[in-house]
Amino acid sequence: MPGGASGEVMLLRRREINASYLRWPVRLRLASL
C-alpha cells in the first residue's frame, strides 16, 4: 500500500512541523529572559 505509506509520512511530517512551531515560541521566551 504505497498510498497509505505516503499518507503516514505526511502525518509524521505534519507532527514534526507542529512540534517545531510549538518549540519556537519557547526558544524566543528563553532568549528574551
N, C-alpha and C. Protein backbone atom coordinates (compact mmCIF):
# COMPACT_ATOMS: atom_id res chain seq x y z
N MET A 1 0.84 -1.21 0.00
CA MET A 1 0.00 0.00 0.00
C MET A 1 0.88 1.27 0.00
N PRO A 2 1.44 1.63 -1.12
CA PRO A 2 2.29 2.83 -1.18
C PRO A 2 1.53 4.08 -0.81
N GLY A 3 0.25 4.14 -1.17
CA GLY A 3 -0.56 5.32 -0.84
C GLY A 3 -0.66 5.51 0.67
N GLY A 4 -0.90 4.41 1.39
CA GLY A 4 -1.02 4.51 2.84
C GLY A 4 0.31 4.92 3.46
N ALA A 5 1.41 4.39 2.92
CA ALA A 5 2.73 4.72 3.47
C ALA A 5 3.00 6.21 3.30
N SER A 6 2.69 6.75 2.13
CA SER A 6 2.93 8.18 1.89
C SER A 6 2.07 9.01 2.83
N GLY A 7 0.85 8.55 3.08
CA GLY A 7 -0.03 9.28 4.00
C GLY A 7 0.56 9.30 5.40
N GLU A 8 1.13 8.17 5.84
CA GLU A 8 1.73 8.12 7.17
C GLU A 8 2.91 9.08 7.25
N VAL A 9 3.70 9.12 6.18
CA VAL A 9 4.87 10.02 6.16
C VAL A 9 4.41 11.47 6.27
N MET A 10 3.32 11.81 5.56
CA MET A 10 2.82 13.18 5.62
C MET A 10 2.37 13.51 7.04
N LEU A 11 1.73 12.55 7.71
CA LEU A 11 1.28 12.80 9.08
C LEU A 11 2.48 13.02 9.99
N LEU A 12 3.54 12.22 9.80
CA LEU A 12 4.73 12.37 10.63
C LEU A 12 5.36 13.73 10.39
N ARG A 13 5.40 14.16 9.12
CA ARG A 13 5.99 15.47 8.81
C ARG A 13 5.15 16.57 9.44
N ARG A 14 3.84 16.41 9.39
CA ARG A 14 2.96 17.43 9.99
C ARG A 14 3.22 17.51 11.48
N ARG A 15 3.41 16.36 12.12
CA ARG A 15 3.67 16.37 13.57
C ARG A 15 4.98 17.09 13.84
N GLU A 16 6.00 16.84 12.99
CA GLU A 16 7.30 17.49 13.20
C GLU A 16 7.16 19.00 13.02
N ILE A 17 6.38 19.41 12.01
CA ILE A 17 6.19 20.85 11.76
C ILE A 17 5.46 21.48 12.93
N ASN A 18 4.41 20.82 13.43
CA ASN A 18 3.65 21.36 14.57
C ASN A 18 4.57 21.47 15.78
N ALA A 19 5.40 20.46 16.01
CA ALA A 19 6.31 20.48 17.16
C ALA A 19 7.29 21.64 17.03
N SER A 20 7.78 21.87 15.81
CA SER A 20 8.74 22.97 15.60
C SER A 20 8.06 24.30 15.89
N TYR A 21 6.81 24.46 15.45
CA TYR A 21 6.10 25.73 15.70
C TYR A 21 5.88 25.93 17.19
N LEU A 22 5.65 24.83 17.92
CA LEU A 22 5.42 24.97 19.36
C LEU A 22 6.74 25.26 20.08
N ARG A 23 7.85 24.77 19.53
CA ARG A 23 9.15 24.96 20.19
C ARG A 23 9.68 26.37 19.99
N TRP A 24 9.43 26.97 18.82
CA TRP A 24 9.98 28.31 18.54
C TRP A 24 9.57 29.34 19.58
N PRO A 25 8.28 29.47 19.95
CA PRO A 25 7.89 30.46 20.97
C PRO A 25 8.63 30.24 22.28
N VAL A 26 8.86 28.98 22.64
CA VAL A 26 9.57 28.68 23.89
C VAL A 26 10.99 29.20 23.79
N ARG A 27 11.64 28.98 22.63
CA ARG A 27 13.01 29.45 22.45
C ARG A 27 13.06 30.97 22.52
N LEU A 28 12.07 31.63 21.92
CA LEU A 28 12.06 33.09 21.94
C LEU A 28 11.89 33.59 23.37
N ARG A 29 11.06 32.91 24.14
CA ARG A 29 10.84 33.33 25.54
C ARG A 29 12.12 33.15 26.35
N LEU A 30 12.79 32.02 26.15
CA LEU A 30 14.03 31.76 26.88
C LEU A 30 15.09 32.80 26.48
N ALA A 31 15.13 33.14 25.20
CA ALA A 31 16.11 34.12 24.72
C ALA A 31 15.80 35.49 25.31
N SER A 32 14.52 35.82 25.44
CA SER A 32 14.13 37.13 25.98
C SER A 32 14.50 37.21 27.47
N LEU A 33 14.42 36.06 28.16
CA LEU A 33 14.76 36.05 29.58
C LEU A 33 16.28 36.16 29.73
